[in-house]
Amino acid sequence: GHHGTLVNTPTRAVCGARWTGQEHCFRHAPGQYGAIHFHDD
């Protein structure tokens, strides 16, 4: 249970490596949207 926290709110629920293109709602297939997009601004 070594949980963590995010700072400055990067974008969550974005397409990850497992995204198939067949589901376009992250709530229906959260595993396909398991990436976080970080930005320096």
ModelCIF file with pLDDT and N, C-alpha, C, O atoms, coordinates in Angstrom:
data_MODEL
#
_entry.id   MODEL 
#
_entity.id                         1 
_entity.type                       polymer 
_entity.pdbx_number_of_molecules   1 
#
_entity_poly.entity_id                      1 
_entity_poly.type                           'polypeptide(L)' 
_entity_poly.nstd_linkage                   no 
_entity_poly.nstd_monomer                   no 
_entity_poly.pdbx_seq_one_letter_code       GHHGTLVNTPTRAVCGARWTGQEHCFRHAPGQYGAIHFHDD 
_entity_poly.pdbx_seq_one_letter_code_can   GHHGTLVNTPTRAVCGARWTGQEHCFRHAPGQYGAIHFHDD 
_entity_poly.pdbx_strand_id                 A 
#
loop_
_entity_poly_seq.entity_id 
_entity_poly_seq.num 
_entity_poly_seq.mon_id 
_entity_poly_seq.hetero 
1 1  GLY n 
1 2  HIS n 
1 3  HIS n 
1 4  GLY n 
1 5  THR n 
1 6  LEU n 
1 7  VAL n 
1 8  ASN n 
1 9  THR n 
1 10 PRO n 
1 11 THR n 
1 12 ARG n 
1 13 ALA n 
1 14 VAL n 
1 15 CYS n 
1 16 GLY n 
1 17 ALA n 
1 18 ARG n 
1 19 TRP n 
1 20 THR n 
1 21 GLY n 
1 22 GLN n 
1 23 GLU n 
1 24 HIS n 
1 25 CYS n 
1 26 PHE n 
1 27 ARG n 
1 28 HIS n 
1 29 ALA n 
1 30 PRO n 
1 31 GLY n 
1 32 GLN n 
1 33 TYR n 
1 34 GLY n 
1 35 ALA n 
1 36 ILE n 
1 37 HIS n 
1 38 PHE n 
1 39 HIS n 
1 40 ASP n 
1 41 ASP n 
#
_struct_asym.id          A 
_struct_asym.entity_id   1 
#
loop_
_ma_qa_metric.id 
_ma_qa_metric.mode 
_ma_qa_metric.name 
_ma_qa_metric.software_group_id 
_ma_qa_metric.type 
1 global pLDDT . pLDDT 
2 local  pLDDT . pLDDT 
#
_ma_qa_metric_global.metric_id      1 
_ma_qa_metric_global.metric_value   96.27 
_ma_qa_metric_global.model_id       1 
_ma_qa_metric_global.ordinal_id     1 
#
loop_
_ma_qa_metric_local.label_asym_id 
_ma_qa_metric_local.label_comp_id 
_ma_qa_metric_local.label_seq_id 
_ma_qa_metric_local.metric_id 
_ma_qa_metric_local.metric_value 
_ma_qa_metric_local.model_id 
_ma_qa_metric_local.ordinal_id 
A GLY 1  2 96.00 1 1  
A HIS 2  2 97.00 1 2  
A HIS 3  2 98.00 1 3  
A GLY 4  2 98.00 1 4  
A THR 5  2 98.00 1 5  
A LEU 6  2 98.00 1 6  
A VAL 7  2 98.00 1 7  
A ASN 8  2 98.00 1 8  
A THR 9  2 97.00 1 9  
A PRO 10 2 98.00 1 10 
A THR 11 2 97.00 1 11 
A ARG 12 2 97.00 1 12 
A ALA 13 2 96.00 1 13 
A VAL 14 2 97.00 1 14 
A CYS 15 2 97.00 1 15 
A GLY 16 2 96.00 1 16 
A ALA 17 2 95.00 1 17 
A ARG 18 2 94.00 1 18 
A TRP 19 2 95.00 1 19 
A THR 20 2 95.00 1 20 
A GLY 21 2 94.00 1 21 
A GLN 22 2 94.00 1 22 
A GLU 23 2 93.00 1 23 
A HIS 24 2 94.00 1 24 
A CYS 25 2 95.00 1 25 
A PHE 26 2 95.00 1 26 
A ARG 27 2 94.00 1 27 
A HIS 28 2 96.00 1 28 
A ALA 29 2 95.00 1 29 
A PRO 30 2 95.00 1 30 
A GLY 31 2 95.00 1 31 
A GLN 32 2 96.00 1 32 
A TYR 33 2 97.00 1 33 
A GLY 34 2 96.00 1 34 
A ALA 35 2 98.00 1 35 
A ILE 36 2 98.00 1 36 
A HIS 37 2 98.00 1 37 
A PHE 38 2 98.00 1 38 
A HIS 39 2 98.00 1 39 
A ASP 40 2 96.00 1 40 
A ASP 41 2 97.00 1 41 
#
loop_
_atom_site.group_PDB 
_atom_site.id 
_atom_site.type_symbol 
_atom_site.label_atom_id 
_atom_site.label_alt_id 
_atom_site.label_comp_id 
_atom_site.label_asym_id 
_atom_site.label_entity_id 
_atom_site.label_seq_id 
_atom_site.pdbx_PDB_ins_code 
_atom_site.Cartn_x 
_atom_site.Cartn_y 
_atom_site.Cartn_z 
_atom_site.occupancy 
_atom_site.B_iso_or_equiv 
_atom_site.pdbx_formal_charge 
_atom_site.auth_seq_id 
_atom_site.auth_comp_id 
_atom_site.auth_asym_id 
_atom_site.auth_atom_id 
_atom_site.pdbx_PDB_model_num 
ATOM 1   N N  . GLY A 1 1  ? 0.802   -1.230 0.000   1.00 96.00 ? 1  GLY A N  1 
ATOM 2   C CA . GLY A 1 1  ? 0.000   0.000  0.000   1.00 96.00 ? 1  GLY A CA 1 
ATOM 3   C C  . GLY A 1 1  ? 0.827   1.268  0.000   1.00 96.00 ? 1  GLY A C  1 
ATOM 4   O O  . GLY A 1 1  ? 0.527   2.203  0.742   1.00 96.00 ? 1  GLY A O  1 
ATOM 5   N N  . HIS A 1 2  ? 1.864   1.315  -0.820  1.00 97.00 ? 2  HIS A N  1 
ATOM 6   C CA . HIS A 1 2  ? 2.701   2.512  -0.901  1.00 97.00 ? 2  HIS A CA 1 
ATOM 7   C C  . HIS A 1 2  ? 2.070   3.512  -1.880  1.00 97.00 ? 2  HIS A C  1 
ATOM 8   O O  . HIS A 1 2  ? 2.589   3.745  -2.971  1.00 97.00 ? 2  HIS A O  1 
ATOM 9   N N  . HIS A 1 3  ? 0.967   4.082  -1.475  1.00 98.00 ? 3  HIS A N  1 
ATOM 10  C CA . HIS A 1 3  ? 0.221   4.975  -2.361  1.00 98.00 ? 3  HIS A CA 1 
ATOM 11  C C  . HIS A 1 3  ? 0.969   6.305  -2.540  1.00 98.00 ? 3  HIS A C  1 
ATOM 12  O O  . HIS A 1 3  ? 1.888   6.626  -1.787  1.00 98.00 ? 3  HIS A O  1 
ATOM 13  N N  . GLY A 1 4  ? 0.556   7.051  -3.538  1.00 98.00 ? 4  GLY A N  1 
ATOM 14  C CA . GLY A 1 4  ? 1.187   8.330  -3.818  1.00 98.00 ? 4  GLY A CA 1 
ATOM 15  C C  . GLY A 1 4  ? 0.170   9.420  -4.076  1.00 98.00 ? 4  GLY A C  1 
ATOM 16  O O  . GLY A 1 4  ? -1.037  9.206  -3.964  1.00 98.00 ? 4  GLY A O  1 
ATOM 17  N N  . THR A 1 5  ? 0.676   10.592 -4.424  1.00 98.00 ? 5  THR A N  1 
ATOM 18  C CA . THR A 1 5  ? -0.201  11.722 -4.718  1.00 98.00 ? 5  THR A CA 1 
ATOM 19  C C  . THR A 1 5  ? 0.360   12.504 -5.895  1.00 98.00 ? 5  THR A C  1 
ATOM 20  O O  . THR A 1 5  ? 1.564   12.479 -6.151  1.00 98.00 ? 5  THR A O  1 
ATOM 21  N N  . LEU A 1 6  ? -0.517  13.196 -6.606  1.00 98.00 ? 6  LEU A N  1 
ATOM 22  C CA . LEU A 1 6  ? -0.122  13.985 -7.763  1.00 98.00 ? 6  LEU A CA 1 
ATOM 23  C C  . LEU A 1 6  ? -0.105  15.463 -7.405  1.00 98.00 ? 6  LEU A C  1 
ATOM 24  O O  . LEU A 1 6  ? -0.876  15.921 -6.562  1.00 98.00 ? 6  LEU A O  1 
ATOM 25  N N  . VAL A 1 7  ? 0.778   16.195 -8.054  1.00 98.00 ? 7  VAL A N  1 
ATOM 26  C CA . VAL A 1 7  ? 0.937   17.631 -7.823  1.00 98.00 ? 7  VAL A CA 1 
ATOM 27  C C  . VAL A 1 7  ? 0.684   18.356 -9.140  1.00 98.00 ? 7  VAL A C  1 
ATOM 28  O O  . VAL A 1 7  ? 1.161   17.937 -10.195 1.00 98.00 ? 7  VAL A O  1 
ATOM 29  N N  . ASN A 1 8  ? -0.072  19.450 -9.064  1.00 98.00 ? 8  ASN A N  1 
ATOM 30  C CA . ASN A 1 8  ? -0.383  20.301 -10.214 1.00 98.00 ? 8  ASN A CA 1 
ATOM 31  C C  . ASN A 1 8  ? -1.266  19.609 -11.254 1.00 98.00 ? 8  ASN A C  1 
ATOM 32  O O  . ASN A 1 8  ? -1.266  19.976 -12.430 1.00 98.00 ? 8  ASN A O  1 
ATOM 33  N N  . THR A 1 9  ? -2.008  18.616 -10.807 1.00 97.00 ? 9  THR A N  1 
ATOM 34  C CA . THR A 1 9  ? -3.102  18.029 -11.576 1.00 97.00 ? 9  THR A CA 1 
ATOM 35  C C  . THR A 1 9  ? -2.748  17.698 -13.020 1.00 97.00 ? 9  THR A C  1 
ATOM 36  O O  . THR A 1 9  ? -3.257  18.344 -13.936 1.00 97.00 ? 9  THR A O  1 
ATOM 37  N N  . PRO A 1 10 ? -1.895  16.715 -13.243 1.00 98.00 ? 10 PRO A N  1 
ATOM 38  C CA . PRO A 1 10 ? -1.713  16.225 -14.621 1.00 98.00 ? 10 PRO A CA 1 
ATOM 39  C C  . PRO A 1 10 ? -3.007  15.604 -15.122 1.00 98.00 ? 10 PRO A C  1 
ATOM 40  O O  . PRO A 1 10 ? -3.917  15.343 -14.335 1.00 98.00 ? 10 PRO A O  1 
ATOM 41  N N  . THR A 1 11 ? -3.094  15.367 -16.419 1.00 97.00 ? 11 THR A N  1 
ATOM 42  C CA . THR A 1 11 ? -4.331  14.876 -17.017 1.00 97.00 ? 11 THR A CA 1 
ATOM 43  C C  . THR A 1 11 ? -4.432  13.365 -16.837 1.00 97.00 ? 11 THR A C  1 
ATOM 44  O O  . THR A 1 11 ? -3.557  12.614 -17.267 1.00 97.00 ? 11 THR A O  1 
ATOM 45  N N  . ARG A 1 12 ? -5.507  12.936 -16.199 1.00 97.00 ? 12 ARG A N  1 
ATOM 46  C CA . ARG A 1 12 ? -5.732  11.513 -15.961 1.00 97.00 ? 12 ARG A CA 1 
ATOM 47  C C  . ARG A 1 12 ? -6.769  10.975 -16.948 1.00 97.00 ? 12 ARG A C  1 
ATOM 48  O O  . ARG A 1 12 ? -7.362  11.721 -17.727 1.00 97.00 ? 12 ARG A O  1 
ATOM 49  N N  . ALA A 1 13 ? -6.965  9.653  -16.888 1.00 96.00 ? 13 ALA A N  1 
ATOM 50  C CA . ALA A 1 13 ? -7.937  8.956  -17.736 1.00 96.00 ? 13 ALA A CA 1 
ATOM 51  C C  . ALA A 1 13 ? -7.638  9.177  -19.214 1.00 96.00 ? 13 ALA A C  1 
ATOM 52  O O  . ALA A 1 13 ? -8.556  9.365  -20.012 1.00 96.00 ? 13 ALA A O  1 
ATOM 53  N N  . VAL A 1 14 ? -6.359  9.155  -19.582 1.00 97.00 ? 14 VAL A N  1 
ATOM 54  C CA . VAL A 1 14 ? -5.971  9.274  -20.984 1.00 97.00 ? 14 VAL A CA 1 
ATOM 55  C C  . VAL A 1 14 ? -5.585  7.886  -21.503 1.00 97.00 ? 14 VAL A C  1 
ATOM 56  O O  . VAL A 1 14 ? -5.262  6.982  -20.733 1.00 97.00 ? 14 VAL A O  1 
ATOM 57  N N  . CYS A 1 15 ? -5.629  7.746  -22.806 1.00 97.00 ? 15 CYS A N  1 
ATOM 58  C CA . CYS A 1 15 ? -5.367  6.446  -23.433 1.00 97.00 ? 15 CYS A CA 1 
ATOM 59  C C  . CYS A 1 15 ? -3.972  5.949  -23.068 1.00 97.00 ? 15 CYS A C  1 
ATOM 60  O O  . CYS A 1 15 ? -2.984  6.672  -23.193 1.00 97.00 ? 15 CYS A O  1 
ATOM 61  N N  . GLY A 1 16 ? -3.915  4.702  -22.615 1.00 96.00 ? 16 GLY A N  1 
ATOM 62  C CA . GLY A 1 16 ? -2.650  4.096  -22.277 1.00 96.00 ? 16 GLY A CA 1 
ATOM 63  C C  . GLY A 1 16 ? -2.199  3.108  -23.337 1.00 96.00 ? 16 GLY A C  1 
ATOM 64  O O  . GLY A 1 16 ? -2.753  3.056  -24.435 1.00 96.00 ? 16 GLY A O  1 
ATOM 65  N N  . ALA A 1 17 ? -1.190  2.330  -22.994 1.00 95.00 ? 17 ALA A N  1 
ATOM 66  C CA . ALA A 1 17 ? -0.646  1.362  -23.946 1.00 95.00 ? 17 ALA A CA 1 
ATOM 67  C C  . ALA A 1 17 ? -1.635  0.250  -24.259 1.00 95.00 ? 17 ALA A C  1 
ATOM 68  O O  . ALA A 1 17 ? -1.505  -0.435 -25.273 1.00 95.00 ? 17 ALA A O  1 
ATOM 69  N N  . ARG A 1 18 ? -2.624  0.071  -23.390 1.00 94.00 ? 18 ARG A N  1 
ATOM 70  C CA . ARG A 1 18 ? -3.588  -1.018 -23.588 1.00 94.00 ? 18 ARG A CA 1 
ATOM 71  C C  . ARG A 1 18 ? -4.850  -0.575 -24.305 1.00 94.00 ? 18 ARG A C  1 
ATOM 72  O O  . ARG A 1 18 ? -5.787  -1.360 -24.453 1.00 94.00 ? 18 ARG A O  1 
ATOM 73  N N  . TRP A 1 19 ? -4.888  0.668  -24.750 1.00 95.00 ? 19 TRP A N  1 
ATOM 74  C CA . TRP A 1 19 ? -6.097  1.152  -25.431 1.00 95.00 ? 19 TRP A CA 1 
ATOM 75  C C  . TRP A 1 19 ? -6.266  0.444  -26.771 1.00 95.00 ? 19 TRP A C  1 
ATOM 76  O O  . TRP A 1 19 ? -5.324  0.349  -27.557 1.00 95.00 ? 19 TRP A O  1 
ATOM 77  N N  . THR A 1 20 ? -7.474  -0.051 -27.021 1.00 95.00 ? 20 THR A N  1 
ATOM 78  C CA . THR A 1 20 ? -7.745  -0.810 -28.246 1.00 95.00 ? 20 THR A CA 1 
ATOM 79  C C  . THR A 1 20 ? -8.391  0.025  -29.333 1.00 95.00 ? 20 THR A C  1 
ATOM 80  O O  . THR A 1 20 ? -8.435  -0.396 -30.489 1.00 95.00 ? 20 THR A O  1 
ATOM 81  N N  . GLY A 1 21 ? -8.893  1.199  -28.984 1.00 94.00 ? 21 GLY A N  1 
ATOM 82  C CA . GLY A 1 21 ? -9.625  2.005  -29.959 1.00 94.00 ? 21 GLY A CA 1 
ATOM 83  C C  . GLY A 1 21 ? -11.089 1.639  -30.052 1.00 94.00 ? 21 GLY A C  1 
ATOM 84  O O  . GLY A 1 21 ? -11.840 2.271  -30.795 1.00 94.00 ? 21 GLY A O  1 
ATOM 85  N N  . GLN A 1 22 ? -11.511 0.618  -29.304 1.00 94.00 ? 22 GLN A N  1 
ATOM 86  C CA . GLN A 1 22 ? -12.892 0.153  -29.394 1.00 94.00 ? 22 GLN A CA 1 
ATOM 87  C C  . GLN A 1 22 ? -13.794 0.775  -28.337 1.00 94.00 ? 22 GLN A C  1 
ATOM 88  O O  . GLN A 1 22 ? -15.017 0.677  -28.437 1.00 94.00 ? 22 GLN A O  1 
ATOM 89  N N  . GLU A 1 23 ? -13.212 1.412  -27.328 1.00 93.00 ? 23 GLU A N  1 
ATOM 90  C CA . GLU A 1 23 ? -14.007 2.016  -26.265 1.00 93.00 ? 23 GLU A CA 1 
ATOM 91  C C  . GLU A 1 23 ? -13.547 3.451  -26.057 1.00 93.00 ? 23 GLU A C  1 
ATOM 92  O O  . GLU A 1 23 ? -12.369 3.717  -25.818 1.00 93.00 ? 23 GLU A O  1 
ATOM 93  N N  . HIS A 1 24 ? -14.501 4.367  -26.154 1.00 94.00 ? 24 HIS A N  1 
ATOM 94  C CA . HIS A 1 24 ? -14.164 5.784  -26.122 1.00 94.00 ? 24 HIS A CA 1 
ATOM 95  C C  . HIS A 1 24 ? -14.616 6.482  -24.838 1.00 94.00 ? 24 HIS A C  1 
ATOM 96  O O  . HIS A 1 24 ? -14.625 7.711  -24.767 1.00 94.00 ? 24 HIS A O  1 
ATOM 97  N N  . CYS A 1 25 ? -14.986 5.707  -23.837 1.00 95.00 ? 25 CYS A N  1 
ATOM 98  C CA . CYS A 1 25 ? -15.342 6.277  -22.535 1.00 95.00 ? 25 CYS A CA 1 
ATOM 99  C C  . CYS A 1 25 ? -14.491 5.594  -21.470 1.00 95.00 ? 25 CYS A C  1 
ATOM 100 O O  . CYS A 1 25 ? -14.561 4.376  -21.309 1.00 95.00 ? 25 CYS A O  1 
ATOM 101 N N  . PHE A 1 26 ? -13.712 6.345  -20.765 1.00 95.00 ? 26 PHE A N  1 
ATOM 102 C CA . PHE A 1 26 ? -12.791 5.757  -19.791 1.00 95.00 ? 26 PHE A CA 1 
ATOM 103 C C  . PHE A 1 26 ? -13.537 5.037  -18.677 1.00 95.00 ? 26 PHE A C  1 
ATOM 104 O O  . PHE A 1 26 ? -13.004 4.098  -18.086 1.00 95.00 ? 26 PHE A O  1 
ATOM 105 N N  . ARG A 1 27 ? -14.757 5.461  -18.382 1.00 94.00 ? 27 ARG A N  1 
ATOM 106 C CA . ARG A 1 27 ? -15.508 4.805  -17.312 1.00 94.00 ? 27 ARG A CA 1 
ATOM 107 C C  . ARG A 1 27 ? -15.908 3.384  -17.688 1.00 94.00 ? 27 ARG A C  1 
ATOM 108 O O  . ARG A 1 27 ? -16.095 2.545  -16.807 1.00 94.00 ? 27 ARG A O  1 
ATOM 109 N N  . HIS A 1 28 ? -16.042 3.103  -18.971 1.00 96.00 ? 28 HIS A N  1 
ATOM 110 C CA . HIS A 1 28 ? -16.443 1.771  -19.420 1.00 96.00 ? 28 HIS A CA 1 
ATOM 111 C C  . HIS A 1 28 ? -15.264 0.805  -19.484 1.00 96.00 ? 28 HIS A C  1 
ATOM 112 O O  . HIS A 1 28 ? -15.455 -0.405 -19.364 1.00 96.00 ? 28 HIS A O  1 
ATOM 113 N N  . ALA A 1 29 ? -14.064 1.313  -19.669 1.00 95.00 ? 29 ALA A N  1 
ATOM 114 C CA . ALA A 1 29 ? -12.874 0.453  -19.768 1.00 95.00 ? 29 ALA A CA 1 
ATOM 115 C C  . ALA A 1 29 ? -11.690 1.174  -19.127 1.00 95.00 ? 29 ALA A C  1 
ATOM 116 O O  . ALA A 1 29 ? -10.758 1.572  -19.826 1.00 95.00 ? 29 ALA A O  1 
ATOM 117 N N  . PRO A 1 30 ? -11.717 1.346  -17.801 1.00 95.00 ? 30 PRO A N  1 
ATOM 118 C CA . PRO A 1 30 ? -10.659 2.143  -17.158 1.00 95.00 ? 30 PRO A CA 1 
ATOM 119 C C  . PRO A 1 30 ? -9.263  1.608  -17.393 1.00 95.00 ? 30 PRO A C  1 
ATOM 120 O O  . PRO A 1 30 ? -8.306  2.382  -17.420 1.00 95.00 ? 30 PRO A O  1 
ATOM 121 N N  . GLY A 1 31 ? -9.121  0.293  -17.564 1.00 95.00 ? 31 GLY A N  1 
ATOM 122 C CA . GLY A 1 31 ? -7.793  -0.260 -17.802 1.00 95.00 ? 31 GLY A CA 1 
ATOM 123 C C  . GLY A 1 31 ? -7.164  0.222  -19.085 1.00 95.00 ? 31 GLY A C  1 
ATOM 124 O O  . GLY A 1 31 ? -5.939  0.258  -19.199 1.00 95.00 ? 31 GLY A O  1 
ATOM 125 N N  . GLN A 1 32 ? -7.983  0.597  -20.061 1.00 96.00 ? 32 GLN A N  1 
ATOM 126 C CA . GLN A 1 32 ? -7.451  1.105  -21.324 1.00 96.00 ? 32 GLN A CA 1 
ATOM 127 C C  . GLN A 1 32 ? -7.068  2.588  -21.223 1.00 96.00 ? 32 GLN A C  1 
ATOM 128 O O  . GLN A 1 32 ? -6.405  3.127  -22.109 1.00 96.00 ? 32 GLN A O  1 
ATOM 129 N N  . TYR A 1 33 ? -7.486  3.226  -20.153 1.00 97.00 ? 33 TYR A N  1 
ATOM 130 C CA . TYR A 1 33 ? -7.205  4.646  -19.946 1.00 97.00 ? 33 TYR A CA 1 
ATOM 131 C C  . TYR A 1 33 ? -6.333  4.839  -18.698 1.00 97.00 ? 33 TYR A C  1 
ATOM 132 O O  . TYR A 1 33 ? -6.493  5.800  -17.946 1.00 97.00 ? 33 TYR A O  1 
ATOM 133 N N  . GLY A 1 34 ? -5.405  3.889  -18.505 1.00 96.00 ? 34 GLY A N  1 
ATOM 134 C CA . GLY A 1 34 ? -4.610  3.873  -17.288 1.00 96.00 ? 34 GLY A CA 1 
ATOM 135 C C  . GLY A 1 34 ? -3.316  4.642  -17.365 1.00 96.00 ? 34 GLY A C  1 
ATOM 136 O O  . GLY A 1 34 ? -2.351  4.281  -16.691 1.00 96.00 ? 34 GLY A O  1 
ATOM 137 N N  . ALA A 1 35 ? -3.262  5.688  -18.161 1.00 98.00 ? 35 ALA A N  1 
ATOM 138 C CA . ALA A 1 35 ? -2.054  6.519  -18.253 1.00 98.00 ? 35 ALA A CA 1 
ATOM 139 C C  . ALA A 1 35 ? -2.325  7.893  -17.643 1.00 98.00 ? 35 ALA A C  1 
ATOM 140 O O  . ALA A 1 35 ? -3.473  8.319  -17.517 1.00 98.00 ? 35 ALA A O  1 
ATOM 141 N N  . ILE A 1 36 ? -1.263  8.563  -17.275 1.00 98.00 ? 36 ILE A N  1 
ATOM 142 C CA . ILE A 1 36 ? -1.323  9.950  -16.821 1.00 98.00 ? 36 ILE A CA 1 
ATOM 143 C C  . ILE A 1 36 ? -0.444  10.775 -17.749 1.00 98.00 ? 36 ILE A C  1 
ATOM 144 O O  . ILE A 1 36 ? 0.695   10.401 -18.030 1.00 98.00 ? 36 ILE A O  1 
ATOM 145 N N  . HIS A 1 37 ? -0.980  11.908 -18.228 1.00 98.00 ? 37 HIS A N  1 
ATOM 146 C CA . HIS A 1 37 ? -0.235  12.799 -19.128 1.00 98.00 ? 37 HIS A CA 1 
ATOM 147 C C  . HIS A 1 37 ? 0.294   13.972 -18.311 1.00 98.00 ? 37 HIS A C  1 
ATOM 148 O O  . HIS A 1 37 ? -0.474  14.769 -17.772 1.00 98.00 ? 37 HIS A O  1 
ATOM 149 N N  . PHE A 1 38 ? 1.610   14.063 -18.229 1.00 98.00 ? 38 PHE A N  1 
ATOM 150 C CA . PHE A 1 38 ? 2.284   15.134 -17.492 1.00 98.00 ? 38 PHE A CA 1 
ATOM 151 C C  . PHE A 1 38 ? 2.743   16.223 -18.471 1.00 98.00 ? 38 PHE A C  1 
ATOM 152 O O  . PHE A 1 38 ? 3.107   15.938 -19.612 1.00 98.00 ? 38 PHE A O  1 
ATOM 153 N N  . HIS A 1 39 ? 2.717   17.466 -18.001 1.00 98.00 ? 39 HIS A N  1 
ATOM 154 C CA . HIS A 1 39 ? 3.161   18.610 -18.807 1.00 98.00 ? 39 HIS A CA 1 
ATOM 155 C C  . HIS A 1 39 ? 3.991   19.545 -17.942 1.00 98.00 ? 39 HIS A C  1 
ATOM 156 O O  . HIS A 1 39 ? 3.747   19.670 -16.742 1.00 98.00 ? 39 HIS A O  1 
ATOM 157 N N  . ASP A 1 40 ? 4.962   20.197 -18.547 1.00 96.00 ? 40 ASP A N  1 
ATOM 158 C CA . ASP A 1 40 ? 5.797   21.094 -17.752 1.00 96.00 ? 40 ASP A CA 1 
ATOM 159 C C  . ASP A 1 40 ? 5.164   22.463 -17.532 1.00 96.00 ? 40 ASP A C  1 
ATOM 160 O O  . ASP A 1 40 ? 5.785   23.327 -16.913 1.00 96.00 ? 40 ASP A O  1 
ATOM 161 N N  . ASP A 1 41 ? 3.935   22.686 -18.027 1.00 97.00 ? 41 ASP A N  1 
ATOM 162 C CA . ASP A 1 41 ? 3.247   23.942 -17.720 1.00 97.00 ? 41 ASP A CA 1 
ATOM 163 C C  . ASP A 1 41 ? 1.937   23.708 -16.974 1.00 97.00 ? 41 ASP A C  1 
ATOM 164 O O  . ASP A 1 41 ? 1.236   24.664 -16.642 1.00 97.00 ? 41 ASP A O  1 
#
